[in-house]
Amino acid sequence: GYVVAGAITVKLLWDSFRWRRRPMI
């Protein structure tokens, strides 16, 4: 669970950095 949640966070950080998602979301 920690690994999956960490992977989701890294993916969302990268997507937010590339303007694919809002960082707050």
PDBML (XML) file of the C-alpha atoms, coordinates in Angstrom:
<?xml version="1.0" encoding="UTF-8" ?>
<PDBx:datablock datablockName="MODEL"
   xmlns:PDBx="http://pdbml.pdb.org/schema/pdbx-v50.xsd"
   xmlns:xsi="http://www.w3.org/2001/XMLSchema-instance"
   xsi:schemaLocation="http://pdbml.pdb.org/schema/pdbx-v50.xsd pdbx-v50.xsd">
   <PDBx:atom_siteCategory>
      <PDBx:atom_site id="1">
         <PDBx:B_iso_or_equiv>0.00</PDBx:B_iso_or_equiv>
         <PDBx:Cartn_x>0.000</PDBx:Cartn_x>
         <PDBx:Cartn_y>0.000</PDBx:Cartn_y>
         <PDBx:Cartn_z>0.000</PDBx:Cartn_z>
         <PDBx:auth_asym_id>A</PDBx:auth_asym_id>
         <PDBx:auth_atom_id>CA</PDBx:auth_atom_id>
         <PDBx:auth_comp_id>GLY</PDBx:auth_comp_id>
         <PDBx:auth_seq_id>1</PDBx:auth_seq_id>
         <PDBx:group_PDB>ATOM</PDBx:group_PDB>
         <PDBx:label_alt_id xsi:nil="true" />
         <PDBx:label_asym_id>A</PDBx:label_asym_id>
         <PDBx:label_atom_id>CA</PDBx:label_atom_id>
         <PDBx:label_comp_id>GLY</PDBx:label_comp_id>
         <PDBx:label_entity_id>1</PDBx:label_entity_id>
         <PDBx:label_seq_id>1</PDBx:label_seq_id>
         <PDBx:occupancy>1.00</PDBx:occupancy>
         <PDBx:pdbx_PDB_model_num>1</PDBx:pdbx_PDB_model_num>
         <PDBx:type_symbol>C</PDBx:type_symbol>
      </PDBx:atom_site>
      <PDBx:atom_site id="2">
         <PDBx:B_iso_or_equiv>0.00</PDBx:B_iso_or_equiv>
         <PDBx:Cartn_x>2.820</PDBx:Cartn_x>
         <PDBx:Cartn_y>2.417</PDBx:Cartn_y>
         <PDBx:Cartn_z>0.832</PDBx:Cartn_z>
         <PDBx:auth_asym_id>A</PDBx:auth_asym_id>
         <PDBx:auth_atom_id>CA</PDBx:auth_atom_id>
         <PDBx:auth_comp_id>TYR</PDBx:auth_comp_id>
         <PDBx:auth_seq_id>2</PDBx:auth_seq_id>
         <PDBx:group_PDB>ATOM</PDBx:group_PDB>
         <PDBx:label_alt_id xsi:nil="true" />
         <PDBx:label_asym_id>A</PDBx:label_asym_id>
         <PDBx:label_atom_id>CA</PDBx:label_atom_id>
         <PDBx:label_comp_id>TYR</PDBx:label_comp_id>
         <PDBx:label_entity_id>1</PDBx:label_entity_id>
         <PDBx:label_seq_id>2</PDBx:label_seq_id>
         <PDBx:occupancy>1.00</PDBx:occupancy>
         <PDBx:pdbx_PDB_model_num>1</PDBx:pdbx_PDB_model_num>
         <PDBx:type_symbol>C</PDBx:type_symbol>
      </PDBx:atom_site>
      <PDBx:atom_site id="3">
         <PDBx:B_iso_or_equiv>0.00</PDBx:B_iso_or_equiv>
         <PDBx:Cartn_x>4.568</PDBx:Cartn_x>
         <PDBx:Cartn_y>1.558</PDBx:Cartn_y>
         <PDBx:Cartn_z>-2.436</PDBx:Cartn_z>
         <PDBx:auth_asym_id>A</PDBx:auth_asym_id>
         <PDBx:auth_atom_id>CA</PDBx:auth_atom_id>
         <PDBx:auth_comp_id>VAL</PDBx:auth_comp_id>
         <PDBx:auth_seq_id>3</PDBx:auth_seq_id>
         <PDBx:group_PDB>ATOM</PDBx:group_PDB>
         <PDBx:label_alt_id xsi:nil="true" />
         <PDBx:label_asym_id>A</PDBx:label_asym_id>
         <PDBx:label_atom_id>CA</PDBx:label_atom_id>
         <PDBx:label_comp_id>VAL</PDBx:label_comp_id>
         <PDBx:label_entity_id>1</PDBx:label_entity_id>
         <PDBx:label_seq_id>3</PDBx:label_seq_id>
         <PDBx:occupancy>1.00</PDBx:occupancy>
         <PDBx:pdbx_PDB_model_num>1</PDBx:pdbx_PDB_model_num>
         <PDBx:type_symbol>C</PDBx:type_symbol>
      </PDBx:atom_site>
      <PDBx:atom_site id="4">
         <PDBx:B_iso_or_equiv>0.00</PDBx:B_iso_or_equiv>
         <PDBx:Cartn_x>1.417</PDBx:Cartn_x>
         <PDBx:Cartn_y>2.010</PDBx:Cartn_y>
         <PDBx:Cartn_z>-4.516</PDBx:Cartn_z>
         <PDBx:auth_asym_id>A</PDBx:auth_asym_id>
         <PDBx:auth_atom_id>CA</PDBx:auth_atom_id>
         <PDBx:auth_comp_id>VAL</PDBx:auth_comp_id>
         <PDBx:auth_seq_id>4</PDBx:auth_seq_id>
         <PDBx:group_PDB>ATOM</PDBx:group_PDB>
         <PDBx:label_alt_id xsi:nil="true" />
         <PDBx:label_asym_id>A</PDBx:label_asym_id>
         <PDBx:label_atom_id>CA</PDBx:label_atom_id>
         <PDBx:label_comp_id>VAL</PDBx:label_comp_id>
         <PDBx:label_entity_id>1</PDBx:label_entity_id>
         <PDBx:label_seq_id>4</PDBx:label_seq_id>
         <PDBx:occupancy>1.00</PDBx:occupancy>
         <PDBx:pdbx_PDB_model_num>1</PDBx:pdbx_PDB_model_num>
         <PDBx:type_symbol>C</PDBx:type_symbol>
      </PDBx:atom_site>
      <PDBx:atom_site id="5">
         <PDBx:B_iso_or_equiv>0.00</PDBx:B_iso_or_equiv>
         <PDBx:Cartn_x>0.507</PDBx:Cartn_x>
         <PDBx:Cartn_y>5.284</PDBx:Cartn_y>
         <PDBx:Cartn_z>-2.796</PDBx:Cartn_z>
         <PDBx:auth_asym_id>A</PDBx:auth_asym_id>
         <PDBx:auth_atom_id>CA</PDBx:auth_atom_id>
         <PDBx:auth_comp_id>ALA</PDBx:auth_comp_id>
         <PDBx:auth_seq_id>5</PDBx:auth_seq_id>
         <PDBx:group_PDB>ATOM</PDBx:group_PDB>
         <PDBx:label_alt_id xsi:nil="true" />
         <PDBx:label_asym_id>A</PDBx:label_asym_id>
         <PDBx:label_atom_id>CA</PDBx:label_atom_id>
         <PDBx:label_comp_id>ALA</PDBx:label_comp_id>
         <PDBx:label_entity_id>1</PDBx:label_entity_id>
         <PDBx:label_seq_id>5</PDBx:label_seq_id>
         <PDBx:occupancy>1.00</PDBx:occupancy>
         <PDBx:pdbx_PDB_model_num>1</PDBx:pdbx_PDB_model_num>
         <PDBx:type_symbol>C</PDBx:type_symbol>
      </PDBx:atom_site>
      <PDBx:atom_site id="6">
         <PDBx:B_iso_or_equiv>0.00</PDBx:B_iso_or_equiv>
         <PDBx:Cartn_x>4.076</PDBx:Cartn_x>
         <PDBx:Cartn_y>6.516</PDBx:Cartn_y>
         <PDBx:Cartn_z>-3.306</PDBx:Cartn_z>
         <PDBx:auth_asym_id>A</PDBx:auth_asym_id>
         <PDBx:auth_atom_id>CA</PDBx:auth_atom_id>
         <PDBx:auth_comp_id>GLY</PDBx:auth_comp_id>
         <PDBx:auth_seq_id>6</PDBx:auth_seq_id>
         <PDBx:group_PDB>ATOM</PDBx:group_PDB>
         <PDBx:label_alt_id xsi:nil="true" />
         <PDBx:label_asym_id>A</PDBx:label_asym_id>
         <PDBx:label_atom_id>CA</PDBx:label_atom_id>
         <PDBx:label_comp_id>GLY</PDBx:label_comp_id>
         <PDBx:label_entity_id>1</PDBx:label_entity_id>
         <PDBx:label_seq_id>6</PDBx:label_seq_id>
         <PDBx:occupancy>1.00</PDBx:occupancy>
         <PDBx:pdbx_PDB_model_num>1</PDBx:pdbx_PDB_model_num>
         <PDBx:type_symbol>C</PDBx:type_symbol>
      </PDBx:atom_site>
      <PDBx:atom_site id="7">
         <PDBx:B_iso_or_equiv>0.00</PDBx:B_iso_or_equiv>
         <PDBx:Cartn_x>3.971</PDBx:Cartn_x>
         <PDBx:Cartn_y>5.566</PDBx:Cartn_y>
         <PDBx:Cartn_z>-6.989</PDBx:Cartn_z>
         <PDBx:auth_asym_id>A</PDBx:auth_asym_id>
         <PDBx:auth_atom_id>CA</PDBx:auth_atom_id>
         <PDBx:auth_comp_id>ALA</PDBx:auth_comp_id>
         <PDBx:auth_seq_id>7</PDBx:auth_seq_id>
         <PDBx:group_PDB>ATOM</PDBx:group_PDB>
         <PDBx:label_alt_id xsi:nil="true" />
         <PDBx:label_asym_id>A</PDBx:label_asym_id>
         <PDBx:label_atom_id>CA</PDBx:label_atom_id>
         <PDBx:label_comp_id>ALA</PDBx:label_comp_id>
         <PDBx:label_entity_id>1</PDBx:label_entity_id>
         <PDBx:label_seq_id>7</PDBx:label_seq_id>
         <PDBx:occupancy>1.00</PDBx:occupancy>
         <PDBx:pdbx_PDB_model_num>1</PDBx:pdbx_PDB_model_num>
         <PDBx:type_symbol>C</PDBx:type_symbol>
      </PDBx:atom_site>
      <PDBx:atom_site id="8">
         <PDBx:B_iso_or_equiv>0.00</PDBx:B_iso_or_equiv>
         <PDBx:Cartn_x>0.636</PDBx:Cartn_x>
         <PDBx:Cartn_y>7.364</PDBx:Cartn_y>
         <PDBx:Cartn_z>-7.408</PDBx:Cartn_z>
         <PDBx:auth_asym_id>A</PDBx:auth_asym_id>
         <PDBx:auth_atom_id>CA</PDBx:auth_atom_id>
         <PDBx:auth_comp_id>ILE</PDBx:auth_comp_id>
         <PDBx:auth_seq_id>8</PDBx:auth_seq_id>
         <PDBx:group_PDB>ATOM</PDBx:group_PDB>
         <PDBx:label_alt_id xsi:nil="true" />
         <PDBx:label_asym_id>A</PDBx:label_asym_id>
         <PDBx:label_atom_id>CA</PDBx:label_atom_id>
         <PDBx:label_comp_id>ILE</PDBx:label_comp_id>
         <PDBx:label_entity_id>1</PDBx:label_entity_id>
         <PDBx:label_seq_id>8</PDBx:label_seq_id>
         <PDBx:occupancy>1.00</PDBx:occupancy>
         <PDBx:pdbx_PDB_model_num>1</PDBx:pdbx_PDB_model_num>
         <PDBx:type_symbol>C</PDBx:type_symbol>
      </PDBx:atom_site>
      <PDBx:atom_site id="9">
         <PDBx:B_iso_or_equiv>0.00</PDBx:B_iso_or_equiv>
         <PDBx:Cartn_x>2.111</PDBx:Cartn_x>
         <PDBx:Cartn_y>10.461</PDBx:Cartn_y>
         <PDBx:Cartn_z>-5.755</PDBx:Cartn_z>
         <PDBx:auth_asym_id>A</PDBx:auth_asym_id>
         <PDBx:auth_atom_id>CA</PDBx:auth_atom_id>
         <PDBx:auth_comp_id>THR</PDBx:auth_comp_id>
         <PDBx:auth_seq_id>9</PDBx:auth_seq_id>
         <PDBx:group_PDB>ATOM</PDBx:group_PDB>
         <PDBx:label_alt_id xsi:nil="true" />
         <PDBx:label_asym_id>A</PDBx:label_asym_id>
         <PDBx:label_atom_id>CA</PDBx:label_atom_id>
         <PDBx:label_comp_id>THR</PDBx:label_comp_id>
         <PDBx:label_entity_id>1</PDBx:label_entity_id>
         <PDBx:label_seq_id>9</PDBx:label_seq_id>
         <PDBx:occupancy>1.00</PDBx:occupancy>
         <PDBx:pdbx_PDB_model_num>1</PDBx:pdbx_PDB_model_num>
         <PDBx:type_symbol>C</PDBx:type_symbol>
      </PDBx:atom_site>
      <PDBx:atom_site id="10">
         <PDBx:B_iso_or_equiv>0.00</PDBx:B_iso_or_equiv>
         <PDBx:Cartn_x>5.195</PDBx:Cartn_x>
         <PDBx:Cartn_y>10.446</PDBx:Cartn_y>
         <PDBx:Cartn_z>-7.994</PDBx:Cartn_z>
         <PDBx:auth_asym_id>A</PDBx:auth_asym_id>
         <PDBx:auth_atom_id>CA</PDBx:auth_atom_id>
         <PDBx:auth_comp_id>VAL</PDBx:auth_comp_id>
         <PDBx:auth_seq_id>10</PDBx:auth_seq_id>
         <PDBx:group_PDB>ATOM</PDBx:group_PDB>
         <PDBx:label_alt_id xsi:nil="true" />
         <PDBx:label_asym_id>A</PDBx:label_asym_id>
         <PDBx:label_atom_id>CA</PDBx:label_atom_id>
         <PDBx:label_comp_id>VAL</PDBx:label_comp_id>
         <PDBx:label_entity_id>1</PDBx:label_entity_id>
         <PDBx:label_seq_id>10</PDBx:label_seq_id>
         <PDBx:occupancy>1.00</PDBx:occupancy>
         <PDBx:pdbx_PDB_model_num>1</PDBx:pdbx_PDB_model_num>
         <PDBx:type_symbol>C</PDBx:type_symbol>
      </PDBx:atom_site>
      <PDBx:atom_site id="11">
         <PDBx:B_iso_or_equiv>0.00</PDBx:B_iso_or_equiv>
         <PDBx:Cartn_x>3.000</PDBx:Cartn_x>
         <PDBx:Cartn_y>10.025</PDBx:Cartn_y>
         <PDBx:Cartn_z>-11.082</PDBx:Cartn_z>
         <PDBx:auth_asym_id>A</PDBx:auth_asym_id>
         <PDBx:auth_atom_id>CA</PDBx:auth_atom_id>
         <PDBx:auth_comp_id>LYS</PDBx:auth_comp_id>
         <PDBx:auth_seq_id>11</PDBx:auth_seq_id>
         <PDBx:group_PDB>ATOM</PDBx:group_PDB>
         <PDBx:label_alt_id xsi:nil="true" />
         <PDBx:label_asym_id>A</PDBx:label_asym_id>
         <PDBx:label_atom_id>CA</PDBx:label_atom_id>
         <PDBx:label_comp_id>LYS</PDBx:label_comp_id>
         <PDBx:label_entity_id>1</PDBx:label_entity_id>
         <PDBx:label_seq_id>11</PDBx:label_seq_id>
         <PDBx:occupancy>1.00</PDBx:occupancy>
         <PDBx:pdbx_PDB_model_num>1</PDBx:pdbx_PDB_model_num>
         <PDBx:type_symbol>C</PDBx:type_symbol>
      </PDBx:atom_site>
      <PDBx:atom_site id="12">
         <PDBx:B_iso_or_equiv>0.00</PDBx:B_iso_or_equiv>
         <PDBx:Cartn_x>0.741</PDBx:Cartn_x>
         <PDBx:Cartn_y>12.905</PDBx:Cartn_y>
         <PDBx:Cartn_z>-10.034</PDBx:Cartn_z>
         <PDBx:auth_asym_id>A</PDBx:auth_asym_id>
         <PDBx:auth_atom_id>CA</PDBx:auth_atom_id>
         <PDBx:auth_comp_id>LEU</PDBx:auth_comp_id>
         <PDBx:auth_seq_id>12</PDBx:auth_seq_id>
         <PDBx:group_PDB>ATOM</PDBx:group_PDB>
         <PDBx:label_alt_id xsi:nil="true" />
         <PDBx:label_asym_id>A</PDBx:label_asym_id>
         <PDBx:label_atom_id>CA</PDBx:label_atom_id>
         <PDBx:label_comp_id>LEU</PDBx:label_comp_id>
         <PDBx:label_entity_id>1</PDBx:label_entity_id>
         <PDBx:label_seq_id>12</PDBx:label_seq_id>
         <PDBx:occupancy>1.00</PDBx:occupancy>
         <PDBx:pdbx_PDB_model_num>1</PDBx:pdbx_PDB_model_num>
         <PDBx:type_symbol>C</PDBx:type_symbol>
      </PDBx:atom_site>
      <PDBx:atom_site id="13">
         <PDBx:B_iso_or_equiv>0.00</PDBx:B_iso_or_equiv>
         <PDBx:Cartn_x>3.722</PDBx:Cartn_x>
         <PDBx:Cartn_y>15.110</PDBx:Cartn_y>
         <PDBx:Cartn_z>-9.241</PDBx:Cartn_z>
         <PDBx:auth_asym_id>A</PDBx:auth_asym_id>
         <PDBx:auth_atom_id>CA</PDBx:auth_atom_id>
         <PDBx:auth_comp_id>LEU</PDBx:auth_comp_id>
         <PDBx:auth_seq_id>13</PDBx:auth_seq_id>
         <PDBx:group_PDB>ATOM</PDBx:group_PDB>
         <PDBx:label_alt_id xsi:nil="true" />
         <PDBx:label_asym_id>A</PDBx:label_asym_id>
         <PDBx:label_atom_id>CA</PDBx:label_atom_id>
         <PDBx:label_comp_id>LEU</PDBx:label_comp_id>
         <PDBx:label_entity_id>1</PDBx:label_entity_id>
         <PDBx:label_seq_id>13</PDBx:label_seq_id>
         <PDBx:occupancy>1.00</PDBx:occupancy>
         <PDBx:pdbx_PDB_model_num>1</PDBx:pdbx_PDB_model_num>
         <PDBx:type_symbol>C</PDBx:type_symbol>
      </PDBx:atom_site>
      <PDBx:atom_site id="14">
         <PDBx:B_iso_or_equiv>0.00</PDBx:B_iso_or_equiv>
         <PDBx:Cartn_x>5.105</PDBx:Cartn_x>
         <PDBx:Cartn_y>14.497</PDBx:Cartn_y>
         <PDBx:Cartn_z>-12.719</PDBx:Cartn_z>
         <PDBx:auth_asym_id>A</PDBx:auth_asym_id>
         <PDBx:auth_atom_id>CA</PDBx:auth_atom_id>
         <PDBx:auth_comp_id>TRP</PDBx:auth_comp_id>
         <PDBx:auth_seq_id>14</PDBx:auth_seq_id>
         <PDBx:group_PDB>ATOM</PDBx:group_PDB>
         <PDBx:label_alt_id xsi:nil="true" />
         <PDBx:label_asym_id>A</PDBx:label_asym_id>
         <PDBx:label_atom_id>CA</PDBx:label_atom_id>
         <PDBx:label_comp_id>TRP</PDBx:label_comp_id>
         <PDBx:label_entity_id>1</PDBx:label_entity_id>
         <PDBx:label_seq_id>14</PDBx:label_seq_id>
         <PDBx:occupancy>1.00</PDBx:occupancy>
         <PDBx:pdbx_PDB_model_num>1</PDBx:pdbx_PDB_model_num>
         <PDBx:type_symbol>C</PDBx:type_symbol>
      </PDBx:atom_site>
      <PDBx:atom_site id="15">
         <PDBx:B_iso_or_equiv>0.00</PDBx:B_iso_or_equiv>
         <PDBx:Cartn_x>1.724</PDBx:Cartn_x>
         <PDBx:Cartn_y>14.981</PDBx:Cartn_y>
         <PDBx:Cartn_z>-14.405</PDBx:Cartn_z>
         <PDBx:auth_asym_id>A</PDBx:auth_asym_id>
         <PDBx:auth_atom_id>CA</PDBx:auth_atom_id>
         <PDBx:auth_comp_id>ASP</PDBx:auth_comp_id>
         <PDBx:auth_seq_id>15</PDBx:auth_seq_id>
         <PDBx:group_PDB>ATOM</PDBx:group_PDB>
         <PDBx:label_alt_id xsi:nil="true" />
         <PDBx:label_asym_id>A</PDBx:label_asym_id>
         <PDBx:label_atom_id>CA</PDBx:label_atom_id>
         <PDBx:label_comp_id>ASP</PDBx:label_comp_id>
         <PDBx:label_entity_id>1</PDBx:label_entity_id>
         <PDBx:label_seq_id>15</PDBx:label_seq_id>
         <PDBx:occupancy>1.00</PDBx:occupancy>
         <PDBx:pdbx_PDB_model_num>1</PDBx:pdbx_PDB_model_num>
         <PDBx:type_symbol>C</PDBx:type_symbol>
      </PDBx:atom_site>
      <PDBx:atom_site id="16">
         <PDBx:B_iso_or_equiv>0.00</PDBx:B_iso_or_equiv>
         <PDBx:Cartn_x>1.233</PDBx:Cartn_x>
         <PDBx:Cartn_y>18.223</PDBx:Cartn_y>
         <PDBx:Cartn_z>-12.500</PDBx:Cartn_z>
         <PDBx:auth_asym_id>A</PDBx:auth_asym_id>
         <PDBx:auth_atom_id>CA</PDBx:auth_atom_id>
         <PDBx:auth_comp_id>SER</PDBx:auth_comp_id>
         <PDBx:auth_seq_id>16</PDBx:auth_seq_id>
         <PDBx:group_PDB>ATOM</PDBx:group_PDB>
         <PDBx:label_alt_id xsi:nil="true" />
         <PDBx:label_asym_id>A</PDBx:label_asym_id>
         <PDBx:label_atom_id>CA</PDBx:label_atom_id>
         <PDBx:label_comp_id>SER</PDBx:label_comp_id>
         <PDBx:label_entity_id>1</PDBx:label_entity_id>
         <PDBx:label_seq_id>16</PDBx:label_seq_id>
         <PDBx:occupancy>1.00</PDBx:occupancy>
         <PDBx:pdbx_PDB_model_num>1</PDBx:pdbx_PDB_model_num>
         <PDBx:type_symbol>C</PDBx:type_symbol>
      </PDBx:atom_site>
      <PDBx:atom_site id="17">
         <PDBx:B_iso_or_equiv>0.00</PDBx:B_iso_or_equiv>
         <PDBx:Cartn_x>4.703</PDBx:Cartn_x>
         <PDBx:Cartn_y>19.417</PDBx:Cartn_y>
         <PDBx:Cartn_z>-13.482</PDBx:Cartn_z>
         <PDBx:auth_asym_id>A</PDBx:auth_asym_id>
         <PDBx:auth_atom_id>CA</PDBx:auth_atom_id>
         <PDBx:auth_comp_id>PHE</PDBx:auth_comp_id>
         <PDBx:auth_seq_id>17</PDBx:auth_seq_id>
         <PDBx:group_PDB>ATOM</PDBx:group_PDB>
         <PDBx:label_alt_id xsi:nil="true" />
         <PDBx:label_asym_id>A</PDBx:label_asym_id>
         <PDBx:label_atom_id>CA</PDBx:label_atom_id>
         <PDBx:label_comp_id>PHE</PDBx:label_comp_id>
         <PDBx:label_entity_id>1</PDBx:label_entity_id>
         <PDBx:label_seq_id>17</PDBx:label_seq_id>
         <PDBx:occupancy>1.00</PDBx:occupancy>
         <PDBx:pdbx_PDB_model_num>1</PDBx:pdbx_PDB_model_num>
         <PDBx:type_symbol>C</PDBx:type_symbol>
      </PDBx:atom_site>
      <PDBx:atom_site id="18">
         <PDBx:B_iso_or_equiv>0.00</PDBx:B_iso_or_equiv>
         <PDBx:Cartn_x>3.908</PDBx:Cartn_x>
         <PDBx:Cartn_y>18.677</PDBx:Cartn_y>
         <PDBx:Cartn_z>-17.144</PDBx:Cartn_z>
         <PDBx:auth_asym_id>A</PDBx:auth_asym_id>
         <PDBx:auth_atom_id>CA</PDBx:auth_atom_id>
         <PDBx:auth_comp_id>ARG</PDBx:auth_comp_id>
         <PDBx:auth_seq_id>18</PDBx:auth_seq_id>
         <PDBx:group_PDB>ATOM</PDBx:group_PDB>
         <PDBx:label_alt_id xsi:nil="true" />
         <PDBx:label_asym_id>A</PDBx:label_asym_id>
         <PDBx:label_atom_id>CA</PDBx:label_atom_id>
         <PDBx:label_comp_id>ARG</PDBx:label_comp_id>
         <PDBx:label_entity_id>1</PDBx:label_entity_id>
         <PDBx:label_seq_id>18</PDBx:label_seq_id>
         <PDBx:occupancy>1.00</PDBx:occupancy>
         <PDBx:pdbx_PDB_model_num>1</PDBx:pdbx_PDB_model_num>
         <PDBx:type_symbol>C</PDBx:type_symbol>
      </PDBx:atom_site>
      <PDBx:atom_site id="19">
         <PDBx:B_iso_or_equiv>0.00</PDBx:B_iso_or_equiv>
         <PDBx:Cartn_x>0.633</PDBx:Cartn_x>
         <PDBx:Cartn_y>20.654</PDBx:Cartn_y>
         <PDBx:Cartn_z>-16.862</PDBx:Cartn_z>
         <PDBx:auth_asym_id>A</PDBx:auth_asym_id>
         <PDBx:auth_atom_id>CA</PDBx:auth_atom_id>
         <PDBx:auth_comp_id>TRP</PDBx:auth_comp_id>
         <PDBx:auth_seq_id>19</PDBx:auth_seq_id>
         <PDBx:group_PDB>ATOM</PDBx:group_PDB>
         <PDBx:label_alt_id xsi:nil="true" />
         <PDBx:label_asym_id>A</PDBx:label_asym_id>
         <PDBx:label_atom_id>CA</PDBx:label_atom_id>
         <PDBx:label_comp_id>TRP</PDBx:label_comp_id>
         <PDBx:label_entity_id>1</PDBx:label_entity_id>
         <PDBx:label_seq_id>19</PDBx:label_seq_id>
         <PDBx:occupancy>1.00</PDBx:occupancy>
         <PDBx:pdbx_PDB_model_num>1</PDBx:pdbx_PDB_model_num>
         <PDBx:type_symbol>C</PDBx:type_symbol>
      </PDBx:atom_site>
      <PDBx:atom_site id="20">
         <PDBx:B_iso_or_equiv>0.00</PDBx:B_iso_or_equiv>
         <PDBx:Cartn_x>-1.565</PDBx:Cartn_x>
         <PDBx:Cartn_y>17.576</PDBx:Cartn_y>
         <PDBx:Cartn_z>-17.272</PDBx:Cartn_z>
         <PDBx:auth_asym_id>A</PDBx:auth_asym_id>
         <PDBx:auth_atom_id>CA</PDBx:auth_atom_id>
         <PDBx:auth_comp_id>ARG</PDBx:auth_comp_id>
         <PDBx:auth_seq_id>20</PDBx:auth_seq_id>
         <PDBx:group_PDB>ATOM</PDBx:group_PDB>
         <PDBx:label_alt_id xsi:nil="true" />
         <PDBx:label_asym_id>A</PDBx:label_asym_id>
         <PDBx:label_atom_id>CA</PDBx:label_atom_id>
         <PDBx:label_comp_id>ARG</PDBx:label_comp_id>
         <PDBx:label_entity_id>1</PDBx:label_entity_id>
         <PDBx:label_seq_id>20</PDBx:label_seq_id>
         <PDBx:occupancy>1.00</PDBx:occupancy>
         <PDBx:pdbx_PDB_model_num>1</PDBx:pdbx_PDB_model_num>
         <PDBx:type_symbol>C</PDBx:type_symbol>
      </PDBx:atom_site>
      <PDBx:atom_site id="21">
         <PDBx:B_iso_or_equiv>0.00</PDBx:B_iso_or_equiv>
         <PDBx:Cartn_x>-3.201</PDBx:Cartn_x>
         <PDBx:Cartn_y>18.022</PDBx:Cartn_y>
         <PDBx:Cartn_z>-13.866</PDBx:Cartn_z>
         <PDBx:auth_asym_id>A</PDBx:auth_asym_id>
         <PDBx:auth_atom_id>CA</PDBx:auth_atom_id>
         <PDBx:auth_comp_id>ARG</PDBx:auth_comp_id>
         <PDBx:auth_seq_id>21</PDBx:auth_seq_id>
         <PDBx:group_PDB>ATOM</PDBx:group_PDB>
         <PDBx:label_alt_id xsi:nil="true" />
         <PDBx:label_asym_id>A</PDBx:label_asym_id>
         <PDBx:label_atom_id>CA</PDBx:label_atom_id>
         <PDBx:label_comp_id>ARG</PDBx:label_comp_id>
         <PDBx:label_entity_id>1</PDBx:label_entity_id>
         <PDBx:label_seq_id>21</PDBx:label_seq_id>
         <PDBx:occupancy>1.00</PDBx:occupancy>
         <PDBx:pdbx_PDB_model_num>1</PDBx:pdbx_PDB_model_num>
         <PDBx:type_symbol>C</PDBx:type_symbol>
      </PDBx:atom_site>
      <PDBx:atom_site id="22">
         <PDBx:B_iso_or_equiv>0.00</PDBx:B_iso_or_equiv>
         <PDBx:Cartn_x>-3.705</PDBx:Cartn_x>
         <PDBx:Cartn_y>20.702</PDBx:Cartn_y>
         <PDBx:Cartn_z>-11.254</PDBx:Cartn_z>
         <PDBx:auth_asym_id>A</PDBx:auth_asym_id>
         <PDBx:auth_atom_id>CA</PDBx:auth_atom_id>
         <PDBx:auth_comp_id>ARG</PDBx:auth_comp_id>
         <PDBx:auth_seq_id>22</PDBx:auth_seq_id>
         <PDBx:group_PDB>ATOM</PDBx:group_PDB>
         <PDBx:label_alt_id xsi:nil="true" />
         <PDBx:label_asym_id>A</PDBx:label_asym_id>
         <PDBx:label_atom_id>CA</PDBx:label_atom_id>
         <PDBx:label_comp_id>ARG</PDBx:label_comp_id>
         <PDBx:label_entity_id>1</PDBx:label_entity_id>
         <PDBx:label_seq_id>22</PDBx:label_seq_id>
         <PDBx:occupancy>1.00</PDBx:occupancy>
         <PDBx:pdbx_PDB_model_num>1</PDBx:pdbx_PDB_model_num>
         <PDBx:type_symbol>C</PDBx:type_symbol>
      </PDBx:atom_site>
      <PDBx:atom_site id="23">
         <PDBx:B_iso_or_equiv>0.00</PDBx:B_iso_or_equiv>
         <PDBx:Cartn_x>-1.202</PDBx:Cartn_x>
         <PDBx:Cartn_y>20.321</PDBx:Cartn_y>
         <PDBx:Cartn_z>-8.399</PDBx:Cartn_z>
         <PDBx:auth_asym_id>A</PDBx:auth_asym_id>
         <PDBx:auth_atom_id>CA</PDBx:auth_atom_id>
         <PDBx:auth_comp_id>PRO</PDBx:auth_comp_id>
         <PDBx:auth_seq_id>23</PDBx:auth_seq_id>
         <PDBx:group_PDB>ATOM</PDBx:group_PDB>
         <PDBx:label_alt_id xsi:nil="true" />
         <PDBx:label_asym_id>A</PDBx:label_asym_id>
         <PDBx:label_atom_id>CA</PDBx:label_atom_id>
         <PDBx:label_comp_id>PRO</PDBx:label_comp_id>
         <PDBx:label_entity_id>1</PDBx:label_entity_id>
         <PDBx:label_seq_id>23</PDBx:label_seq_id>
         <PDBx:occupancy>1.00</PDBx:occupancy>
         <PDBx:pdbx_PDB_model_num>1</PDBx:pdbx_PDB_model_num>
         <PDBx:type_symbol>C</PDBx:type_symbol>
      </PDBx:atom_site>
      <PDBx:atom_site id="24">
         <PDBx:B_iso_or_equiv>0.00</PDBx:B_iso_or_equiv>
         <PDBx:Cartn_x>-3.919</PDBx:Cartn_x>
         <PDBx:Cartn_y>20.841</PDBx:Cartn_y>
         <PDBx:Cartn_z>-5.759</PDBx:Cartn_z>
         <PDBx:auth_asym_id>A</PDBx:auth_asym_id>
         <PDBx:auth_atom_id>CA</PDBx:auth_atom_id>
         <PDBx:auth_comp_id>MET</PDBx:auth_comp_id>
         <PDBx:auth_seq_id>24</PDBx:auth_seq_id>
         <PDBx:group_PDB>ATOM</PDBx:group_PDB>
         <PDBx:label_alt_id xsi:nil="true" />
         <PDBx:label_asym_id>A</PDBx:label_asym_id>
         <PDBx:label_atom_id>CA</PDBx:label_atom_id>
         <PDBx:label_comp_id>MET</PDBx:label_comp_id>
         <PDBx:label_entity_id>1</PDBx:label_entity_id>
         <PDBx:label_seq_id>24</PDBx:label_seq_id>
         <PDBx:occupancy>1.00</PDBx:occupancy>
         <PDBx:pdbx_PDB_model_num>1</PDBx:pdbx_PDB_model_num>
         <PDBx:type_symbol>C</PDBx:type_symbol>
      </PDBx:atom_site>
      <PDBx:atom_site id="25">
         <PDBx:B_iso_or_equiv>0.00</PDBx:B_iso_or_equiv>
         <PDBx:Cartn_x>-5.965</PDBx:Cartn_x>
         <PDBx:Cartn_y>17.999</PDBx:Cartn_y>
         <PDBx:Cartn_z>-7.208</PDBx:Cartn_z>
         <PDBx:auth_asym_id>A</PDBx:auth_asym_id>
         <PDBx:auth_atom_id>CA</PDBx:auth_atom_id>
         <PDBx:auth_comp_id>ILE</PDBx:auth_comp_id>
         <PDBx:auth_seq_id>25</PDBx:auth_seq_id>
         <PDBx:group_PDB>ATOM</PDBx:group_PDB>
         <PDBx:label_alt_id xsi:nil="true" />
         <PDBx:label_asym_id>A</PDBx:label_asym_id>
         <PDBx:label_atom_id>CA</PDBx:label_atom_id>
         <PDBx:label_comp_id>ILE</PDBx:label_comp_id>
         <PDBx:label_entity_id>1</PDBx:label_entity_id>
         <PDBx:label_seq_id>25</PDBx:label_seq_id>
         <PDBx:occupancy>1.00</PDBx:occupancy>
         <PDBx:pdbx_PDB_model_num>1</PDBx:pdbx_PDB_model_num>
         <PDBx:type_symbol>C</PDBx:type_symbol>
      </PDBx:atom_site>
   </PDBx:atom_siteCategory>
</PDBx:datablock>
